[in-house]
């Protein structure tokens, strides 16, 4: 692995897991109160574009971290939908 890829993996780790504490808090309190699903959805869409860009430039850090971020944002939106429906019933 080249030096620039190591830096990419380190940088990607921080930005990818920035949303993880919010996901953890939602799951812990079992409520999506205060969460903005639109933001998570928009981020997820553009992370898909980042994955495509990573493929175009052949950058594993860009591809890997954005796939993980897509999963986190998908879980955020899913948790919002689940807890919003549970609250309304």
PDB file of N, CA and C in Angstrom:
ATOM      1  N   UNK A   1       0.856  -1.173   0.000  1.00  0.00           N
ATOM      2  CA  UNK A   1       0.000   0.000   0.000  1.00  0.00           C
ATOM      3  C   UNK A   1       0.906   1.242   0.000  1.00  0.00           C
ATOM      4  N   UNK A   2       0.573   2.183  -0.848  1.00  0.00           N
ATOM      5  CA  UNK A   2       1.368   3.398  -0.975  1.00  0.00           C
ATOM      6  C   UNK A   2       0.996   4.394   0.125  1.00  0.00           C
ATOM      7  N   UNK A   3       1.897   5.368   0.371  1.00  0.00           N
ATOM      8  CA  UNK A   3       1.692   6.344   1.447  1.00  0.00           C
ATOM      9  C   UNK A   3       0.397   7.129   1.285  1.00  0.00           C
ATOM     10  N   UNK A   4       0.067   7.534   0.063  1.00  0.00           N
ATOM     11  CA  UNK A   4      -1.149   8.317  -0.118  1.00  0.00           C
ATOM     12  C   UNK A   4      -2.395   7.486   0.173  1.00  0.00           C
ATOM     13  N   UNK A   5      -2.325   6.180  -0.016  1.00  0.00           N
ATOM     14  CA  UNK A   5      -3.464   5.332   0.328  1.00  0.00           C
ATOM     15  C   UNK A   5      -3.621   5.208   1.838  1.00  0.00           C
ATOM     16  N   UNK A   6      -2.515   5.155   2.560  1.00  0.00           N
ATOM     17  CA  UNK A   6      -2.566   5.104   4.025  1.00  0.00           C
ATOM     18  C   UNK A   6      -3.224   6.378   4.554  1.00  0.00           C
ATOM     19  N   UNK A   7      -2.828   7.526   4.014  1.00  0.00           N
ATOM     20  CA  UNK A   7      -3.432   8.798   4.429  1.00  0.00           C
ATOM     21  C   UNK A   7      -4.918   8.805   4.088  1.00  0.00           C
ATOM     22  N   UNK A   8      -5.265   8.259   2.925  1.00  0.00           N
ATOM     23  CA  UNK A   8      -6.670   8.182   2.534  1.00  0.00           C
ATOM     24  C   UNK A   8      -7.479   7.321   3.475  1.00  0.00           C
ATOM     25  N   UNK A   9      -6.932   6.199   3.909  1.00  0.00           N
ATOM     26  CA  UNK A   9      -7.644   5.337   4.855  1.00  0.00           C
ATOM     27  C   UNK A   9      -7.825   6.027   6.208  1.00  0.00           C
ATOM     28  N   UNK A  10      -6.814   6.752   6.671  1.00  0.00           N
ATOM     29  CA  UNK A  10      -6.916   7.465   7.952  1.00  0.00           C
ATOM     30  C   UNK A  10      -7.960   8.572   7.862  1.00  0.00           C
ATOM     31  N   UNK A  11      -7.912   9.363   6.804  1.00  0.00           N
ATOM     32  CA  UNK A  11      -8.874  10.456   6.632  1.00  0.00           C
ATOM     33  C   UNK A  11     -10.287   9.907   6.473  1.00  0.00           C
ATOM     34  N   UNK A  12     -10.412   8.851   5.702  1.00  0.00           N
ATOM     35  CA  UNK A  12     -11.725   8.259   5.480  1.00  0.00           C
ATOM     36  C   UNK A  12     -12.344   7.695   6.740  1.00  0.00           C
ATOM     37  N   UNK A  13     -11.522   7.145   7.614  1.00  0.00           N
ATOM     38  CA  UNK A  13     -12.025   6.605   8.871  1.00  0.00           C
ATOM     39  C   UNK A  13     -12.761   7.682   9.659  1.00  0.00           C
ATOM     40  N   UNK A  14     -12.151   8.842   9.778  1.00  0.00           N
ATOM     41  CA  UNK A  14     -12.763   9.928  10.557  1.00  0.00           C
ATOM     42  C   UNK A  14     -14.070  10.413   9.968  1.00  0.00           C
ATOM     43  N   UNK A  15     -14.093  10.649   8.671  1.00  0.00           N
ATOM     44  CA  UNK A  15     -15.316  11.173   8.067  1.00  0.00           C
ATOM     45  C   UNK A  15     -16.400  10.111   7.954  1.00  0.00           C
ATOM     46  N   UNK A  16     -16.005   8.876   7.761  1.00  0.00           N
ATOM     47  CA  UNK A  16     -16.991   7.801   7.633  1.00  0.00           C
ATOM     48  C   UNK A  16     -17.727   7.565   8.940  1.00  0.00           C
ATOM     49  N   UNK A  17     -17.016   7.529  10.027  1.00  0.00           N
ATOM     50  CA  UNK A  17     -17.634   7.202  11.302  1.00  0.00           C
ATOM     51  C   UNK A  17     -18.139   8.427  12.069  1.00  0.00           C
ATOM     52  N   UNK A  18     -18.157   9.592  11.425  1.00  0.00           N
ATOM     53  CA  UNK A  18     -18.682  10.791  12.075  1.00  0.00           C
ATOM     54  C   UNK A  18     -20.162  10.642  12.427  1.00  0.00           C
ATOM     55  N   UNK A  19     -20.915   9.901  11.629  1.00  0.00           N
ATOM     56  CA  UNK A  19     -22.351   9.716  11.879  1.00  0.00           C
ATOM     57  C   UNK A  19     -22.636   8.562  12.836  1.00  0.00           C
ATOM     58  N   UNK A  20     -21.649   7.740  13.123  1.00  0.00           N
ATOM     59  CA  UNK A  20     -21.873   6.570  13.974  1.00  0.00           C
ATOM     60  C   UNK A  20     -22.370   6.929  15.380  1.00  0.00           C
ATOM     61  N   UNK A  21     -21.865   7.978  16.032  1.00  0.00           N
ATOM     62  CA  UNK A  21     -22.402   8.311  17.357  1.00  0.00           C
ATOM     63  C   UNK A  21     -23.895   8.661  17.328  1.00  0.00           C
ATOM     64  N   UNK A  22     -24.338   9.312  16.257  1.00  0.00           N
ATOM     65  CA  UNK A  22     -25.771   9.613  16.137  1.00  0.00           C
ATOM     66  C   UNK A  22     -26.583   8.336  15.974  1.00  0.00           C
ATOM     67  N   UNK A  23     -26.093   7.427  15.170  1.00  0.00           N
ATOM     68  CA  UNK A  23     -26.779   6.149  14.998  1.00  0.00           C
ATOM     69  C   UNK A  23     -26.846   5.398  16.318  1.00  0.00           C
ATOM     70  N   UNK A  24     -25.753   5.359  17.034  1.00  0.00           N
ATOM     71  CA  UNK A  24     -25.709   4.702  18.341  1.00  0.00           C
ATOM     72  C   UNK A  24     -26.728   5.339  19.300  1.00  0.00           C
ATOM     73  N   UNK A  25     -26.790   6.676  19.322  1.00  0.00           N
ATOM     74  CA  UNK A  25     -27.726   7.369  20.217  1.00  0.00           C
ATOM     75  C   UNK A  25     -29.173   7.054  19.861  1.00  0.00           C
ATOM     76  N   UNK A  26     -29.485   7.014  18.582  1.00  0.00           N
ATOM     77  CA  UNK A  26     -30.850   6.685  18.141  1.00  0.00           C
ATOM     78  C   UNK A  26     -31.224   5.283  18.592  1.00  0.00           C
ATOM     79  N   UNK A  27     -30.320   4.336  18.385  1.00  0.00           N
ATOM     80  CA  UNK A  27     -30.604   2.952  18.762  1.00  0.00           C
ATOM     81  C   UNK A  27     -30.694   2.794  20.276  1.00  0.00           C
ATOM     82  N   UNK A  28     -29.848   3.509  21.006  1.00  0.00           N
ATOM     83  CA  UNK A  28     -29.843   3.398  22.468  1.00  0.00           C
ATOM     84  C   UNK A  28     -31.124   3.955  23.079  1.00  0.00           C
ATOM     85  N   UNK A  29     -31.568   5.113  22.593  1.00  0.00           N
ATOM     86  CA  UNK A  29     -32.777   5.720  23.181  1.00  0.00           C
ATOM     87  C   UNK A  29     -34.056   5.233  22.502  1.00  0.00           C
ATOM     88  N   UNK A  30     -33.872   4.439  21.416  1.00  0.00           N
ATOM     89  CA  UNK A  30     -34.995   3.864  20.679  1.00  0.00           C
ATOM     90  C   UNK A  30     -35.988   4.939  20.220  1.00  0.00           C
ATOM     91  N   UNK A  31     -35.405   6.035  19.740  1.00  0.00           N
ATOM     92  CA  UNK A  31     -36.203   7.149  19.249  1.00  0.00           C
ATOM     93  C   UNK A  31     -35.393   7.890  18.185  1.00  0.00           C
ATOM     94  N   UNK A  32     -36.084   8.349  17.169  1.00  0.00           N
ATOM     95  CA  UNK A  32     -35.434   9.119  16.113  1.00  0.00           C
ATOM     96  C   UNK A  32     -35.665  10.612  16.286  1.00  0.00           C
ATOM     97  N   UNK A  33     -36.111  10.997  17.467  1.00  0.00           N
ATOM     98  CA  UNK A  33     -36.390  12.405  17.740  1.00  0.00           C
ATOM     99  C   UNK A  33     -35.128  13.237  17.513  1.00  0.00           C
ATOM    100  N   UNK A  34     -35.272  14.310  16.773  1.00  0.00           N
ATOM    101  CA  UNK A  34     -34.165  15.209  16.500  1.00  0.00           C
ATOM    102  C   UNK A  34     -33.306  14.803  15.313  1.00  0.00           C
ATOM    103  N   UNK A  35     -33.588  13.661  14.713  1.00  0.00           N
ATOM    104  CA  UNK A  35     -32.789  13.207  13.579  1.00  0.00           C
ATOM    105  C   UNK A  35     -33.373  13.752  12.282  1.00  0.00           C
ATOM    106  N   UNK A  36     -32.518  14.138  11.360  1.00  0.00           N
ATOM    107  CA  UNK A  36     -32.960  14.645  10.069  1.00  0.00           C
ATOM    108  C   UNK A  36     -32.688  13.575   9.007  1.00  0.00           C
ATOM    109  N   UNK A  37     -33.702  12.803   8.619  1.00  0.00           N
ATOM    110  CA  UNK A  37     -33.476  11.730   7.652  1.00  0.00           C
ATOM    111  C   UNK A  37     -33.116  12.249   6.266  1.00  0.00           C
ATOM    112  N   UNK A  38     -33.535  13.460   5.945  1.00  0.00           N
ATOM    113  CA  UNK A  38     -33.205  14.033   4.647  1.00  0.00           C
ATOM    114  C   UNK A  38     -31.697  14.194   4.515  1.00  0.00           C
ATOM    115  N   UNK A  39     -31.061  14.668   5.557  1.00  0.00           N
ATOM    116  CA  UNK A  39     -29.612  14.831   5.530  1.00  0.00           C
ATOM    117  C   UNK A  39     -28.923  13.492   5.323  1.00  0.00           C
ATOM    118  N   UNK A  40     -29.345  12.474   6.039  1.00  0.00           N
ATOM    119  CA  UNK A  40     -28.741  11.146   5.900  1.00  0.00           C
ATOM    120  C   UNK A  40     -28.996  10.585   4.505  1.00  0.00           C
ATOM    121  N   UNK A  41     -30.177  10.811   3.968  1.00  0.00           N
ATOM    122  CA  UNK A  41     -30.495  10.343   2.623  1.00  0.00           C
ATOM    123  C   UNK A  41     -29.657  11.035   1.559  1.00  0.00           C
ATOM    124  N   UNK A  42     -29.516  12.344   1.673  1.00  0.00           N
ATOM    125  CA  UNK A  42     -28.703  13.098   0.719  1.00  0.00           C
ATOM    126  C   UNK A  42     -27.244  12.660   0.803  1.00  0.00           C
ATOM    127  N   UNK A  43     -26.746  12.504   2.030  1.00  0.00           N
ATOM    128  CA  UNK A  43     -25.365  12.039   2.200  1.00  0.00           C
ATOM    129  C   UNK A  43     -25.179  10.670   1.555  1.00  0.00           C
ATOM    130  N   UNK A  44     -26.134   9.780   1.748  1.00  0.00           N
ATOM    131  CA  UNK A  44     -26.046   8.450   1.167  1.00  0.00           C
ATOM    132  C   UNK A  44     -25.999   8.480  -0.351  1.00  0.00           C
ATOM    133  N   UNK A  45     -26.812   9.343  -0.942  1.00  0.00           N
ATOM    134  CA  UNK A  45     -26.821   9.465  -2.403  1.00  0.00           C
ATOM    135  C   UNK A  45     -25.460   9.930  -2.910  1.00  0.00           C
ATOM    136  N   UNK A  46     -24.903  10.951  -2.271  1.00  0.00           N
ATOM    137  CA  UNK A  46     -23.626  11.460  -2.739  1.00  0.00           C
ATOM    138  C   UNK A  46     -22.464  10.533  -2.392  1.00  0.00           C
ATOM    139  N   UNK A  47     -22.624   9.715  -1.386  1.00  0.00           N
ATOM    140  CA  UNK A  47     -21.591   8.716  -1.108  1.00  0.00           C
ATOM    141  C   UNK A  47     -21.563   7.648  -2.199  1.00  0.00           C
ATOM    142  N   UNK A  48     -22.712   7.379  -2.790  1.00  0.00           N
ATOM    143  CA  UNK A  48     -22.738   6.473  -3.940  1.00  0.00           C
ATOM    144  C   UNK A  48     -21.931   7.088  -5.088  1.00  0.00           C
ATOM    145  N   UNK A  49     -22.079   8.388  -5.293  1.00  0.00           N
ATOM    146  CA  UNK A  49     -21.291   9.077  -6.322  1.00  0.00           C
ATOM    147  C   UNK A  49     -19.800   8.993  -5.989  1.00  0.00           C
ATOM    148  N   UNK A  50     -19.461   9.128  -4.695  1.00  0.00           N
ATOM    149  CA  UNK A  50     -18.058   9.007  -4.283  1.00  0.00           C
ATOM    150  C   UNK A  50     -17.509   7.612  -4.576  1.00  0.00           C
ATOM    151  N   UNK A  51     -18.328   6.590  -4.364  1.00  0.00           N
ATOM    152  CA  UNK A  51     -17.880   5.227  -4.679  1.00  0.00           C
ATOM    153  C   UNK A  51     -17.582   5.125  -6.173  1.00  0.00           C
ATOM    154  N   UNK A  52     -18.472   5.644  -6.986  1.00  0.00           N
ATOM    155  CA  UNK A  52     -18.248   5.626  -8.433  1.00  0.00           C
ATOM    156  C   UNK A  52     -16.961   6.379  -8.789  1.00  0.00           C
ATOM    157  N   UNK A  53     -16.768   7.527  -8.178  1.00  0.00           N
ATOM    158  CA  UNK A  53     -15.536   8.302  -8.395  1.00  0.00           C
ATOM    159  C   UNK A  53     -14.316   7.488  -7.976  1.00  0.00           C
ATOM    160  N   UNK A  54     -14.409   6.815  -6.846  1.00  0.00           N
ATOM    161  CA  UNK A  54     -13.309   5.971  -6.388  1.00  0.00           C
ATOM    162  C   UNK A  54     -12.975   4.877  -7.380  1.00  0.00           C
ATOM    163  N   UNK A  55     -14.000   4.309  -8.011  1.00  0.00           N
ATOM    164  CA  UNK A  55     -13.774   3.300  -9.048  1.00  0.00           C
ATOM    165  C   UNK A  55     -13.079   3.936 -10.248  1.00  0.00           C
ATOM    166  N   UNK A  56     -13.532   5.120 -10.642  1.00  0.00           N
ATOM    167  CA  UNK A  56     -12.940   5.802 -11.799  1.00  0.00           C
ATOM    168  C   UNK A  56     -11.456   6.112 -11.598  1.00  0.00           C
ATOM    169  N   UNK A  57     -11.095   6.521 -10.365  1.00  0.00           N
ATOM    170  CA  UNK A  57      -9.694   6.872 -10.118  1.00  0.00           C
ATOM    171  C   UNK A  57      -8.920   5.727  -9.487  1.00  0.00           C
ATOM    172  N   UNK A  58      -9.583   4.578  -9.325  1.00  0.00           N
ATOM    173  CA  UNK A  58      -8.956   3.385  -8.756  1.00  0.00           C
ATOM    174  C   UNK A  58      -8.376   3.652  -7.367  1.00  0.00           C
ATOM    175  N   UNK A  59      -9.220   4.203  -6.493  1.00  0.00           N
ATOM    176  CA  UNK A  59      -8.796   4.541  -5.135  1.00  0.00           C
ATOM    177  C   UNK A  59      -9.559   3.693  -4.117  1.00  0.00           C
ATOM    178  N   UNK A  60      -8.880   2.703  -3.564  1.00  0.00           N
ATOM    179  CA  UNK A  60      -9.517   1.833  -2.575  1.00  0.00           C
ATOM    180  C   UNK A  60      -9.995   2.589  -1.334  1.00  0.00           C
ATOM    181  N   UNK A  61      -9.241   3.552  -0.801  1.00  0.00           N
ATOM    182  CA  UNK A  61      -9.759   4.273   0.370  1.00  0.00           C
ATOM    183  C   UNK A  61     -11.094   4.965   0.087  1.00  0.00           C
ATOM    184  N   UNK A  62     -11.215   5.602  -1.055  1.00  0.00           N
ATOM    185  CA  UNK A  62     -12.466   6.281  -1.403  1.00  0.00           C
ATOM    186  C   UNK A  62     -13.601   5.267  -1.530  1.00  0.00           C
ATOM    187  N   UNK A  63     -13.341   4.162  -2.162  1.00  0.00           N
ATOM    188  CA  UNK A  63     -14.368   3.138  -2.357  1.00  0.00           C
ATOM    189  C   UNK A  63     -14.783   2.515  -1.032  1.00  0.00           C
ATOM    190  N   UNK A  64     -13.826   2.043  -0.252  1.00  0.00           N
ATOM    191  CA  UNK A  64     -14.117   1.321   0.986  1.00  0.00           C
ATOM    192  C   UNK A  64     -14.845   2.192   2.003  1.00  0.00           C
ATOM    193  N   UNK A  65     -14.303   3.371   2.280  1.00  0.00           N
ATOM    194  CA  UNK A  65     -14.910   4.204   3.319  1.00  0.00           C
ATOM    195  C   UNK A  65     -16.294   4.683   2.926  1.00  0.00           C
ATOM    196  N   UNK A  66     -16.497   4.966   1.650  1.00  0.00           N
ATOM    197  CA  UNK A  66     -17.823   5.423   1.250  1.00  0.00           C
ATOM    198  C   UNK A  66     -18.844   4.304   1.231  1.00  0.00           C
ATOM    199  N   UNK A  67     -18.433   3.084   0.956  1.00  0.00           N
ATOM    200  CA  UNK A  67     -19.370   1.959   1.074  1.00  0.00           C
ATOM    201  C   UNK A  67     -19.794   1.788   2.538  1.00  0.00           C
ATOM    202  N   UNK A  68     -18.843   1.894   3.451  1.00  0.00           N
ATOM    203  CA  UNK A  68     -19.174   1.796   4.882  1.00  0.00           C
ATOM    204  C   UNK A  68     -20.099   2.944   5.280  1.00  0.00           C
ATOM    205  N   UNK A  69     -19.821   4.150   4.782  1.00  0.00           N
ATOM    206  CA  UNK A  69     -20.659   5.307   5.104  1.00  0.00           C
ATOM    207  C   UNK A  69     -22.071   5.137   4.554  1.00  0.00           C
ATOM    208  N   UNK A  70     -22.194   4.531   3.387  1.00  0.00           N
ATOM    209  CA  UNK A  70     -23.524   4.262   2.824  1.00  0.00           C
ATOM    210  C   UNK A  70     -24.304   3.335   3.752  1.00  0.00           C
ATOM    211  N   UNK A  71     -23.645   2.330   4.272  1.00  0.00           N
ATOM    212  CA  UNK A  71     -24.300   1.401   5.199  1.00  0.00           C
ATOM    213  C   UNK A  71     -24.761   2.149   6.452  1.00  0.00           C
ATOM    214  N   UNK A  72     -23.890   2.992   7.011  1.00  0.00           N
ATOM    215  CA  UNK A  72     -24.248   3.753   8.221  1.00  0.00           C
ATOM    216  C   UNK A  72     -25.437   4.661   7.936  1.00  0.00           C
ATOM    217  N   UNK A  73     -25.423   5.384   6.818  1.00  0.00           N
ATOM    218  CA  UNK A  73     -26.531   6.289   6.502  1.00  0.00           C
ATOM    219  C   UNK A  73     -27.813   5.528   6.189  1.00  0.00           C
ATOM    220  N   UNK A  74     -27.694   4.372   5.577  1.00  0.00           N
ATOM    221  CA  UNK A  74     -28.876   3.542   5.337  1.00  0.00           C
ATOM    222  C   UNK A  74     -29.479   3.083   6.663  1.00  0.00           C
ATOM    223  N   UNK A  75     -28.631   2.694   7.589  1.00  0.00           N
ATOM    224  CA  UNK A  75     -29.112   2.305   8.925  1.00  0.00           C
ATOM    225  C   UNK A  75     -29.765   3.485   9.635  1.00  0.00           C
ATOM    226  N   UNK A  76     -29.203   4.688   9.457  1.00  0.00           N
ATOM    227  CA  UNK A  76     -29.794   5.885  10.076  1.00  0.00           C
ATOM    228  C   UNK A  76     -31.211   6.129   9.548  1.00  0.00           C
ATOM    229  N   UNK A  77     -31.369   6.078   8.243  1.00  0.00           N
ATOM    230  CA  UNK A  77     -32.691   6.290   7.644  1.00  0.00           C
ATOM    231  C   UNK A  77     -33.638   5.162   8.050  1.00  0.00           C
ATOM    232  N   UNK A  78     -33.141   3.938   8.044  1.00  0.00           N
ATOM    233  CA  UNK A  78     -33.955   2.802   8.468  1.00  0.00           C
ATOM    234  C   UNK A  78     -34.408   2.925   9.914  1.00  0.00           C
ATOM    235  N   UNK A  79     -33.496   3.339  10.792  1.00  0.00           N
ATOM    236  CA  UNK A  79     -33.852   3.532  12.203  1.00  0.00           C
ATOM    237  C   UNK A  79     -34.884   4.637  12.348  1.00  0.00           C
ATOM    238  N   UNK A  80     -34.713   5.710  11.585  1.00  0.00           N
ATOM    239  CA  UNK A  80     -35.693   6.796  11.633  1.00  0.00           C
ATOM    240  C   UNK A  80     -37.074   6.296  11.238  1.00  0.00           C
ATOM    241  N   UNK A  81     -37.128   5.564  10.115  1.00  0.00           N
ATOM    242  CA  UNK A  81     -38.423   5.047   9.653  1.00  0.00           C
ATOM    243  C   UNK A  81     -39.021   4.068  10.659  1.00  0.00           C
ATOM    244  N   UNK A  82     -38.196   3.186  11.199  1.00  0.00           N
ATOM    245  CA  UNK A  82     -38.679   2.193  12.158  1.00  0.00           C
ATOM    246  C   UNK A  82     -39.230   2.870  13.414  1.00  0.00           C
ATOM    247  N   UNK A  83     -38.465   3.769  14.006  1.00  0.00           N
ATOM    248  CA  UNK A  83     -38.898   4.389  15.256  1.00  0.00           C
ATOM    249  C   UNK A  83     -40.025   5.394  15.036  1.00  0.00           C
ATOM    250  N   UNK A  84     -40.078   6.013  13.860  1.00  0.00           N
ATOM    251  CA  UNK A  84     -41.189   6.924  13.551  1.00  0.00           C
ATOM    252  C   UNK A  84     -42.495   6.161  13.439  1.00  0.00           C
ATOM    253  N   UNK A  85     -42.452   4.998  12.795  1.00  0.00           N
ATOM    254  CA  UNK A  85     -43.650   4.168  12.670  1.00  0.00           C
ATOM    255  C   UNK A  85     -44.052   3.574  14.006  1.00  0.00           C
ATOM    256  N   UNK A  86     -43.081   3.156  14.806  1.00  0.00           N
ATOM    257  CA  UNK A  86     -43.376   2.568  16.113  1.00  0.00           C
ATOM    258  C   UNK A  86     -44.015   3.606  17.022  1.00  0.00           C
ATOM    259  N   UNK A  87     -43.599   4.859  16.889  1.00  0.00           N
ATOM    260  CA  UNK A  87     -44.139   5.931  17.726  1.00  0.00           C
ATOM    261  C   UNK A  87     -45.587   6.248  17.337  1.00  0.00           C
ATOM    262  N   UNK A  88     -45.902   6.125  16.044  1.00  0.00           N
ATOM    263  CA  UNK A  88     -47.246   6.492  15.586  1.00  0.00           C
ATOM    264  C   UNK A  88     -48.275   5.381  15.850  1.00  0.00           C
ATOM    265  N   UNK A  89     -47.829   4.188  16.206  1.00  0.00           N
ATOM    266  CA  UNK A  89     -48.765   3.092  16.471  1.00  0.00           C
ATOM    267  C   UNK A  89     -49.064   2.945  17.916  1.00  0.00           C
TER     268      UNK A  89
END
